[in-house]
Amino acid sequence: TMTIAHLVFALMTTAYILIAIQFEERDLVTAFGRQYLDYKR
């Protein structure tokens, strides 16, 4: 059962995850360098 409130929640958390991935991957590149860049590619 998808209510409008749940839909807004799902959309917002999806957007949050997609944005958070960008920050997390930046940190992973800082931590692991070329190794993570190769994995990302």
All heavy atoms as atom14 arrays in JSON, in Angstrom:
{
  "sequence": "TMTIAHLVFALMTTAYILIAIQFEERDLVTAFGRQYLDYKR",
  "atom14_mask": [
    [1, 1, 1, 1, 1, 1, 1, 0, 0, 0, 0, 0, 0, 0],
    [1, 1, 1, 1, 1, 1, 1, 1, 0, 0, 0, 0, 0, 0],
    [1, 1, 1, 1, 1, 1, 1, 0, 0, 0, 0, 0, 0, 0],
    [1, 1, 1, 1, 1, 1, 1, 1, 0, 0, 0, 0, 0, 0],
    [1, 1, 1, 1, 1, 0, 0, 0, 0, 0, 0, 0, 0, 0],
    [1, 1, 1, 1, 1, 1, 1, 1, 1, 1, 0, 0, 0, 0],
    [1, 1, 1, 1, 1, 1, 1, 1, 0, 0, 0, 0, 0, 0],
    [1, 1, 1, 1, 1, 1, 1, 0, 0, 0, 0, 0, 0, 0],
    [1, 1, 1, 1, 1, 1, 1, 1, 1, 1, 1, 0, 0, 0],
    [1, 1, 1, 1, 1, 0, 0, 0, 0, 0, 0, 0, 0, 0],
    [1, 1, 1, 1, 1, 1, 1, 1, 0, 0, 0, 0, 0, 0],
    [1, 1, 1, 1, 1, 1, 1, 1, 0, 0, 0, 0, 0, 0],
    [1, 1, 1, 1, 1, 1, 1, 0, 0, 0, 0, 0, 0, 0],
    [1, 1, 1, 1, 1, 1, 1, 0, 0, 0, 0, 0, 0, 0],
    [1, 1, 1, 1, 1, 0, 0, 0, 0, 0, 0, 0, 0, 0],
    [1, 1, 1, 1, 1, 1, 1, 1, 1, 1, 1, 1, 0, 0],
    [1, 1, 1, 1, 1, 1, 1, 1, 0, 0, 0, 0, 0, 0],
    [1, 1, 1, 1, 1, 1, 1, 1, 0, 0, 0, 0, 0, 0],
    [1, 1, 1, 1, 1, 1, 1, 1, 0, 0, 0, 0, 0, 0],
    [1, 1, 1, 1, 1, 0, 0, 0, 0, 0, 0, 0, 0, 0],
    [1, 1, 1, 1, 1, 1, 1, 1, 0, 0, 0, 0, 0, 0],
    [1, 1, 1, 1, 1, 1, 1, 1, 1, 0, 0, 0, 0, 0],
    [1, 1, 1, 1, 1, 1, 1, 1, 1, 1, 1, 0, 0, 0],
    [1, 1, 1, 1, 1, 1, 1, 1, 1, 0, 0, 0, 0, 0],
    [1, 1, 1, 1, 1, 1, 1, 1, 1, 0, 0, 0, 0, 0],
    [1, 1, 1, 1, 1, 1, 1, 1, 1, 1, 1, 0, 0, 0],
    [1, 1, 1, 1, 1, 1, 1, 1, 0, 0, 0, 0, 0, 0],
    [1, 1, 1, 1, 1, 1, 1, 1, 0, 0, 0, 0, 0, 0],
    [1, 1, 1, 1, 1, 1, 1, 0, 0, 0, 0, 0, 0, 0],
    [1, 1, 1, 1, 1, 1, 1, 0, 0, 0, 0, 0, 0, 0],
    [1, 1, 1, 1, 1, 0, 0, 0, 0, 0, 0, 0, 0, 0],
    [1, 1, 1, 1, 1, 1, 1, 1, 1, 1, 1, 0, 0, 0],
    [1, 1, 1, 1, 0, 0, 0, 0, 0, 0, 0, 0, 0, 0],
    [1, 1, 1, 1, 1, 1, 1, 1, 1, 1, 1, 0, 0, 0],
    [1, 1, 1, 1, 1, 1, 1, 1, 1, 0, 0, 0, 0, 0],
    [1, 1, 1, 1, 1, 1, 1, 1, 1, 1, 1, 1, 0, 0],
    [1, 1, 1, 1, 1, 1, 1, 1, 0, 0, 0, 0, 0, 0],
    [1, 1, 1, 1, 1, 1, 1, 1, 0, 0, 0, 0, 0, 0],
    [1, 1, 1, 1, 1, 1, 1, 1, 1, 1, 1, 1, 0, 0],
    [1, 1, 1, 1, 1, 1, 1, 1, 1, 0, 0, 0, 0, 0],
    [1, 1, 1, 1, 1, 1, 1, 1, 1, 1, 1, 0, 0, 0]
  ],
  "atom14_positions": [
    [[0.87, -1.18, 0.0], [0.0, 0.0, 0.0], [0.9, 1.22, 0.0], [1.67, 1.45, 0.94], [-0.92, 0.02, 1.24], [-1.71, -1.17, 1.25], [-1.82, 1.24, 1.24], [0.0, 0.0, 0.0], [0.0, 0.0, 0.0], [0.0, 0.0, 0.0], [0.0, 0.0, 0.0], [0.0, 0.0, 0.0], [0.0, 0.0, 0.0], [0.0, 0.0, 0.0]],
    [[0.82, 1.99, -1.07], [1.66, 3.18, -1.22], [0.78, 4.41, -1.05], [0.01, 4.77, -1.94], [2.34, 3.2, -2.59], [3.23, 4.41, -2.84], [4.66, 4.55, -1.74], [5.78, 3.36, -2.44], [0.0, 0.0, 0.0], [0.0, 0.0, 0.0], [0.0, 0.0, 0.0], [0.0, 0.0, 0.0], [0.0, 0.0, 0.0], [0.0, 0.0, 0.0]],
    [[0.89, 5.03, 0.12], [0.17, 6.27, 0.37], [0.99, 7.43, -0.2], [2.17, 7.27, -0.53], [-0.05, 6.48, 1.88], [1.24, 6.61, 2.49], [-0.82, 5.32, 2.5], [0.0, 0.0, 0.0], [0.0, 0.0, 0.0], [0.0, 0.0, 0.0], [0.0, 0.0, 0.0], [0.0, 0.0, 0.0], [0.0, 0.0, 0.0], [0.0, 0.0, 0.0]],
    [[0.38, 8.59, -0.25], [1.12, 9.76, -0.73], [2.27, 10.06, 0.23], [3.38, 10.38, -0.21], [0.18, 10.97, -0.91], [-0.74, 10.69, -2.08], [0.97, 12.26, -1.09], [-1.63, 11.8, -2.51], [0.0, 0.0, 0.0], [0.0, 0.0, 0.0], [0.0, 0.0, 0.0], [0.0, 0.0, 0.0], [0.0, 0.0, 0.0], [0.0, 0.0, 0.0]],
    [[2.03, 9.93, 1.53], [3.09, 10.18, 2.51], [4.25, 9.2, 2.31], [5.42, 9.59, 2.36], [2.53, 10.07, 3.93], [0.0, 0.0, 0.0], [0.0, 0.0, 0.0], [0.0, 0.0, 0.0], [0.0, 0.0, 0.0], [0.0, 0.0, 0.0], [0.0, 0.0, 0.0], [0.0, 0.0, 0.0], [0.0, 0.0, 0.0], [0.0, 0.0, 0.0]],
    [[3.93, 7.92, 2.08], [5.0, 6.93, 1.87], [5.73, 7.22, 0.56], [6.95, 7.07, 0.49], [4.43, 5.51, 1.87], [5.47, 4.45, 1.86], [5.57, 3.49, 2.82], [6.5, 4.19, 1.01], [6.58, 2.69, 2.57], [7.16, 3.11, 1.46], [0.0, 0.0, 0.0], [0.0, 0.0, 0.0], [0.0, 0.0, 0.0], [0.0, 0.0, 0.0]],
    [[4.99, 7.65, -0.46], [5.61, 7.99, -1.74], [6.59, 9.14, -1.57], [7.72, 9.09, -2.09], [4.55, 8.32, -2.78], [5.08, 8.74, -4.15], [5.85, 7.6, -4.81], [3.94, 9.2, -5.04], [0.0, 0.0, 0.0], [0.0, 0.0, 0.0], [0.0, 0.0, 0.0], [0.0, 0.0, 0.0], [0.0, 0.0, 0.0], [0.0, 0.0, 0.0]],
    [[6.18, 10.17, -0.85], [7.08, 11.31, -0.61], [8.32, 10.84, 0.15], [9.44, 11.2, -0.18], [6.35, 12.45, 0.14], [7.32, 13.51, 0.63], [5.28, 13.06, -0.75], [0.0, 0.0, 0.0], [0.0, 0.0, 0.0], [0.0, 0.0, 0.0], [0.0, 0.0, 0.0], [0.0, 0.0, 0.0], [0.0, 0.0, 0.0], [0.0, 0.0, 0.0]],
    [[8.09, 9.99, 1.17], [9.21, 9.43, 1.93], [10.14, 8.64, 1.01], [11.37, 8.82, 1.06], [8.67, 8.53, 3.05], [9.74, 7.75, 3.75], [10.56, 8.35, 4.69], [9.93, 6.4, 3.48], [11.56, 7.64, 5.34], [10.92, 5.67, 4.13], [11.73, 6.29, 5.06], [0.0, 0.0, 0.0], [0.0, 0.0, 0.0], [0.0, 0.0, 0.0]],
    [[9.59, 7.77, 0.18], [10.41, 6.95, -0.73], [11.18, 7.82, -1.72], [12.36, 7.58, -1.98], [9.53, 5.94, -1.46], [0.0, 0.0, 0.0], [0.0, 0.0, 0.0], [0.0, 0.0, 0.0], [0.0, 0.0, 0.0], [0.0, 0.0, 0.0], [0.0, 0.0, 0.0], [0.0, 0.0, 0.0], [0.0, 0.0, 0.0], [0.0, 0.0, 0.0]],
    [[10.54, 8.84, -2.26], [11.21, 9.74, -3.2], [12.35, 10.5, -2.51], [13.45, 10.61, -3.07], [10.21, 10.72, -3.81], [9.25, 10.13, -4.83], [8.15, 11.13, -5.16], [9.98, 9.72, -6.09], [0.0, 0.0, 0.0], [0.0, 0.0, 0.0], [0.0, 0.0, 0.0], [0.0, 0.0, 0.0], [0.0, 0.0, 0.0], [0.0, 0.0, 0.0]],
    [[12.08, 11.02, -1.32], [13.08, 11.82, -0.61], [14.26, 10.95, -0.16], [15.42, 11.38, -0.27], [12.46, 12.54, 0.59], [11.4, 13.57, 0.19], [11.99, 14.8, -0.97], [13.1, 15.72, 0.05], [0.0, 0.0, 0.0], [0.0, 0.0, 0.0], [0.0, 0.0, 0.0], [0.0, 0.0, 0.0], [0.0, 0.0, 0.0], [0.0, 0.0, 0.0]],
    [[13.99, 9.76, 0.33], [15.1, 8.9, 0.75], [15.88, 8.39, -0.44], [17.1, 8.22, -0.34], [14.6, 7.73, 1.62], [13.56, 7.03, 0.94], [14.1, 8.22, 2.98], [0.0, 0.0, 0.0], [0.0, 0.0, 0.0], [0.0, 0.0, 0.0], [0.0, 0.0, 0.0], [0.0, 0.0, 0.0], [0.0, 0.0, 0.0], [0.0, 0.0, 0.0]],
    [[15.22, 8.17, -1.56], [15.93, 7.78, -2.78], [16.86, 8.91, -3.22], [18.04, 8.67, -3.53], [14.95, 7.42, -3.89], [14.15, 6.3, -3.47], [15.67, 7.07, -5.18], [0.0, 0.0, 0.0], [0.0, 0.0, 0.0], [0.0, 0.0, 0.0], [0.0, 0.0, 0.0], [0.0, 0.0, 0.0], [0.0, 0.0, 0.0], [0.0, 0.0, 0.0]],
    [[16.35, 10.14, -3.22], [17.19, 11.29, -3.58], [18.36, 11.42, -2.6], [19.5, 11.65, -3.02], [16.35, 12.56, -3.58], [0.0, 0.0, 0.0], [0.0, 0.0, 0.0], [0.0, 0.0, 0.0], [0.0, 0.0, 0.0], [0.0, 0.0, 0.0], [0.0, 0.0, 0.0], [0.0, 0.0, 0.0], [0.0, 0.0, 0.0], [0.0, 0.0, 0.0]],
    [[18.09, 11.24, -1.31], [19.14, 11.32, -0.3], [20.23, 10.29, -0.57], [21.43, 10.6, -0.51], [18.53, 11.11, 1.1], [19.55, 11.1, 2.2], [20.0, 12.29, 2.76], [20.08, 9.91, 2.67], [20.95, 12.29, 3.77], [21.03, 9.9, 3.68], [21.47, 11.1, 4.22], [22.41, 11.08, 5.21], [0.0, 0.0, 0.0], [0.0, 0.0, 0.0]],
    [[19.83, 9.06, -0.86], [20.81, 7.99, -1.14], [21.64, 8.34, -2.37], [22.87, 8.18, -2.36], [20.1, 6.63, -1.29], [19.71, 6.11, 0.1], [20.99, 5.62, -2.02], [18.85, 4.87, 0.07], [0.0, 0.0, 0.0], [0.0, 0.0, 0.0], [0.0, 0.0, 0.0], [0.0, 0.0, 0.0], [0.0, 0.0, 0.0], [0.0, 0.0, 0.0]],
    [[21.0, 8.81, -3.43], [21.74, 9.13, -4.66], [22.73, 10.26, -4.42], [23.84, 10.26, -4.98], [20.77, 9.45, -5.78], [19.9, 8.27, -6.24], [18.88, 8.73, -7.28], [20.75, 7.12, -6.76], [0.0, 0.0, 0.0], [0.0, 0.0, 0.0], [0.0, 0.0, 0.0], [0.0, 0.0, 0.0], [0.0, 0.0, 0.0], [0.0, 0.0, 0.0]],
    [[22.37, 11.22, -3.6], [23.3, 12.31, -3.25], [24.4, 11.78, -2.32], [25.58, 12.07, -2.51], [22.54, 13.49, -2.61], [21.63, 14.14, -3.67], [23.51, 14.51, -2.01], [20.61, 15.1, -3.1], [0.0, 0.0, 0.0], [0.0, 0.0, 0.0], [0.0, 0.0, 0.0], [0.0, 0.0, 0.0], [0.0, 0.0, 0.0], [0.0, 0.0, 0.0]],
    [[24.0, 10.99, -1.32], [24.97, 10.46, -0.36], [26.03, 9.59, -1.05], [27.2, 9.61, -0.64], [24.26, 9.65, 0.72], [0.0, 0.0, 0.0], [0.0, 0.0, 0.0], [0.0, 0.0, 0.0], [0.0, 0.0, 0.0], [0.0, 0.0, 0.0], [0.0, 0.0, 0.0], [0.0, 0.0, 0.0], [0.0, 0.0, 0.0], [0.0, 0.0, 0.0]],
    [[25.64, 8.86, -2.07], [26.6, 8.02, -2.8], [27.73, 8.88, -3.37], [28.9, 8.48, -3.34], [25.9, 7.2, -3.91], [25.1, 6.06, -3.28], [26.91, 6.67, -4.92], [24.22, 5.3, -4.27], [0.0, 0.0, 0.0], [0.0, 0.0, 0.0], [0.0, 0.0, 0.0], [0.0, 0.0, 0.0], [0.0, 0.0, 0.0], [0.0, 0.0, 0.0]],
    [[27.39, 10.06, -3.86], [28.42, 10.94, -4.44], [29.44, 11.34, -3.38], [30.65, 11.31, -3.63], [27.77, 12.18, -5.06], [26.69, 11.88, -6.08], [27.1, 10.87, -7.13], [28.15, 11.01, -7.76], [26.29, 9.84, -7.31], [0.0, 0.0, 0.0], [0.0, 0.0, 0.0], [0.0, 0.0, 0.0], [0.0, 0.0, 0.0], [0.0, 0.0, 0.0]],
    [[28.96, 11.69, -2.19], [29.87, 12.06, -1.1], [30.67, 10.85, -0.61], [31.87, 10.94, -0.35], [29.09, 12.67, 0.08], [28.58, 14.05, -0.21], [27.25, 14.25, -0.53], [29.43, 15.14, -0.18], [26.77, 15.53, -0.8], [28.98, 16.42, -0.45], [27.63, 16.62, -0.76], [0.0, 0.0, 0.0], [0.0, 0.0, 0.0], [0.0, 0.0, 0.0]],
    [[29.99, 9.72, -0.47], [30.68, 8.51, -0.01], [31.78, 8.1, -0.99], [32.89, 7.76, -0.58], [29.68, 7.36, 0.16], [30.34, 6.1, 0.65], [29.36, 4.96, 0.85], [28.14, 5.15, 0.7], [29.83, 3.86, 1.16], [0.0, 0.0, 0.0], [0.0, 0.0, 0.0], [0.0, 0.0, 0.0], [0.0, 0.0, 0.0], [0.0, 0.0, 0.0]],
    [[31.47, 8.16, -2.28], [32.48, 7.75, -3.27], [33.65, 8.73, -3.28], [34.79, 8.31, -3.47], [31.85, 7.59, -4.64], [30.96, 6.37, -4.67], [30.68, 5.85, -6.06], [30.61, 6.65, -7.02], [30.52, 4.62, -6.18], [0.0, 0.0, 0.0], [0.0, 0.0, 0.0], [0.0, 0.0, 0.0], [0.0, 0.0, 0.0], [0.0, 0.0, 0.0]],
    [[33.41, 9.99, -3.05], [34.51, 10.96, -2.95], [35.43, 10.58, -1.78], [36.65, 10.58, -1.91], [33.96, 12.37, -2.79], [35.04, 13.43, -2.77], [34.53, 14.78, -2.43], [34.03, 14.74, -1.06], [33.18, 15.62, -0.55], [32.73, 16.61, -1.28], [32.79, 15.52, 0.71], [0.0, 0.0, 0.0], [0.0, 0.0, 0.0], [0.0, 0.0, 0.0]],
    [[34.8, 10.22, -0.65], [35.59, 9.81, 0.51], [36.34, 8.5, 0.25], [37.47, 8.32, 0.7], [34.69, 9.64, 1.74], [34.15, 10.97, 2.24], [34.67, 12.03, 1.83], [33.17, 10.95, 3.03], [0.0, 0.0, 0.0], [0.0, 0.0, 0.0], [0.0, 0.0, 0.0], [0.0, 0.0, 0.0], [0.0, 0.0, 0.0], [0.0, 0.0, 0.0]],
    [[35.72, 7.58, -0.48], [36.38, 6.31, -0.79], [37.57, 6.51, -1.72], [38.59, 5.84, -1.58], [35.37, 5.32, -1.39], [34.34, 4.78, -0.4], [33.19, 4.08, -1.13], [34.99, 3.85, 0.6], [0.0, 0.0, 0.0], [0.0, 0.0, 0.0], [0.0, 0.0, 0.0], [0.0, 0.0, 0.0], [0.0, 0.0, 0.0], [0.0, 0.0, 0.0]],
    [[37.44, 7.45, -2.65], [38.58, 7.77, -3.52], [39.71, 8.38, -2.68], [40.88, 8.03, -2.87], [38.16, 8.72, -4.66], [39.37, 9.3, -5.39], [37.23, 8.01, -5.64], [0.0, 0.0, 0.0], [0.0, 0.0, 0.0], [0.0, 0.0, 0.0], [0.0, 0.0, 0.0], [0.0, 0.0, 0.0], [0.0, 0.0, 0.0], [0.0, 0.0, 0.0]],
    [[39.35, 9.23, -1.73], [40.37, 9.82, -0.85], [41.06, 8.72, -0.03], [42.28, 8.73, 0.12], [39.73, 10.86, 0.09], [39.15, 11.89, -0.7], [40.76, 11.45, 1.05], [0.0, 0.0, 0.0], [0.0, 0.0, 0.0], [0.0, 0.0, 0.0], [0.0, 0.0, 0.0], [0.0, 0.0, 0.0], [0.0, 0.0, 0.0], [0.0, 0.0, 0.0]],
    [[40.28, 7.78, 0.47], [40.83, 6.72, 1.33], [41.62, 5.68, 0.55], [42.66, 5.22, 1.01], [39.71, 6.05, 2.11], [0.0, 0.0, 0.0], [0.0, 0.0, 0.0], [0.0, 0.0, 0.0], [0.0, 0.0, 0.0], [0.0, 0.0, 0.0], [0.0, 0.0, 0.0], [0.0, 0.0, 0.0], [0.0, 0.0, 0.0], [0.0, 0.0, 0.0]],
    [[41.13, 5.3, -0.64], [41.72, 4.16, -1.34], [42.34, 4.51, -2.7], [42.93, 3.65, -3.34], [40.68, 3.05, -1.51], [40.15, 2.52, -0.21], [38.84, 2.76, 0.17], [40.97, 1.8, 0.65], [38.35, 2.28, 1.38], [40.49, 1.31, 1.85], [39.17, 1.56, 2.22], [0.0, 0.0, 0.0], [0.0, 0.0, 0.0], [0.0, 0.0, 0.0]],
    [[42.19, 5.74, -3.15], [42.86, 6.22, -4.35], [42.55, 5.44, -5.62], [41.4, 5.13, -5.93], [0.0, 0.0, 0.0], [0.0, 0.0, 0.0], [0.0, 0.0, 0.0], [0.0, 0.0, 0.0], [0.0, 0.0, 0.0], [0.0, 0.0, 0.0], [0.0, 0.0, 0.0], [0.0, 0.0, 0.0], [0.0, 0.0, 0.0], [0.0, 0.0, 0.0]],
    [[43.62, 5.12, -6.35], [43.53, 4.46, -7.65], [42.74, 3.15, -7.56], [41.99, 2.8, -8.46], [44.94, 4.21, -8.19], [45.04, 3.38, -9.44], [44.44, 3.98, -10.69], [44.89, 5.32, -10.97], [44.16, 6.18, -11.69], [43.01, 5.85, -12.19], [44.61, 7.4, -11.91], [0.0, 0.0, 0.0], [0.0, 0.0, 0.0], [0.0, 0.0, 0.0]],
    [[42.9, 2.44, -6.46], [42.21, 1.16, -6.28], [40.69, 1.35, -6.38], [40.0, 0.59, -7.05], [42.61, 0.57, -4.93], [42.28, -0.87, -4.75], [42.82, -1.41, -3.42], [43.23, -0.66, -2.54], [42.81, -2.7, -3.3], [0.0, 0.0, 0.0], [0.0, 0.0, 0.0], [0.0, 0.0, 0.0], [0.0, 0.0, 0.0], [0.0, 0.0, 0.0]],
    [[40.17, 2.39, -5.72], [38.73, 2.62, -5.78], [38.33, 3.19, -7.13], [37.27, 2.84, -7.67], [38.24, 3.55, -4.65], [36.73, 3.53, -4.6], [36.06, 2.49, -3.97], [35.97, 4.5, -5.25], [34.68, 2.42, -3.96], [34.6, 4.44, -5.25], [33.95, 3.41, -4.6], [32.58, 3.33, -4.62], [0.0, 0.0, 0.0], [0.0, 0.0, 0.0]],
    [[39.15, 4.05, -7.71], [38.83, 4.59, -9.03], [38.71, 3.48, -10.07], [37.81, 3.5, -10.91], [39.89, 5.62, -9.46], [39.82, 6.96, -8.75], [41.06, 7.79, -9.08], [38.54, 7.7, -9.09], [0.0, 0.0, 0.0], [0.0, 0.0, 0.0], [0.0, 0.0, 0.0], [0.0, 0.0, 0.0], [0.0, 0.0, 0.0], [0.0, 0.0, 0.0]],
    [[39.61, 2.51, -10.03], [39.54, 1.37, -10.95], [38.27, 0.56, -10.73], [37.6, 0.17, -11.67], [40.77, 0.47, -10.8], [42.05, 1.12, -11.29], [41.96, 2.13, -12.03], [43.13, 0.64, -10.91], [0.0, 0.0, 0.0], [0.0, 0.0, 0.0], [0.0, 0.0, 0.0], [0.0, 0.0, 0.0], [0.0, 0.0, 0.0], [0.0, 0.0, 0.0]],
    [[37.95, 0.33, -9.46], [36.72, -0.39, -9.11], [35.5, 0.37, -9.61], [34.58, -0.21, -10.19], [36.68, -0.55, -7.59], [35.4, -1.12, -7.03], [34.98, -2.41, -7.32], [34.61, -0.37, -6.17], [33.82, -2.94, -6.79], [33.45, -0.88, -5.63], [33.06, -2.16, -5.94], [31.91, -2.67, -5.41], [0.0, 0.0, 0.0], [0.0, 0.0, 0.0]],
    [[35.51, 1.69, -9.44], [34.4, 2.53, -9.88], [34.22, 2.48, -11.39], [33.1, 2.46, -11.9], [34.65, 3.97, -9.41], [33.52, 4.91, -9.65], [33.85, 6.27, -9.07], [32.76, 7.25, -9.4], [33.05, 8.59, -8.88], [0.0, 0.0, 0.0], [0.0, 0.0, 0.0], [0.0, 0.0, 0.0], [0.0, 0.0, 0.0], [0.0, 0.0, 0.0]],
    [[35.33, 2.42, -12.12], [35.26, 2.37, -13.58], [34.69, 1.05, -14.1], [34.04, 1.02, -15.12], [36.64, 2.58, -14.18], [36.99, 4.03, -14.38], [38.24, 4.18, -15.23], [39.05, 5.29, -14.85], [39.8, 5.42, -13.76], [39.84, 4.47, -12.89], [40.51, 6.49, -13.52], [0.0, 0.0, 0.0], [0.0, 0.0, 0.0], [0.0, 0.0, 0.0]]
  ]
}
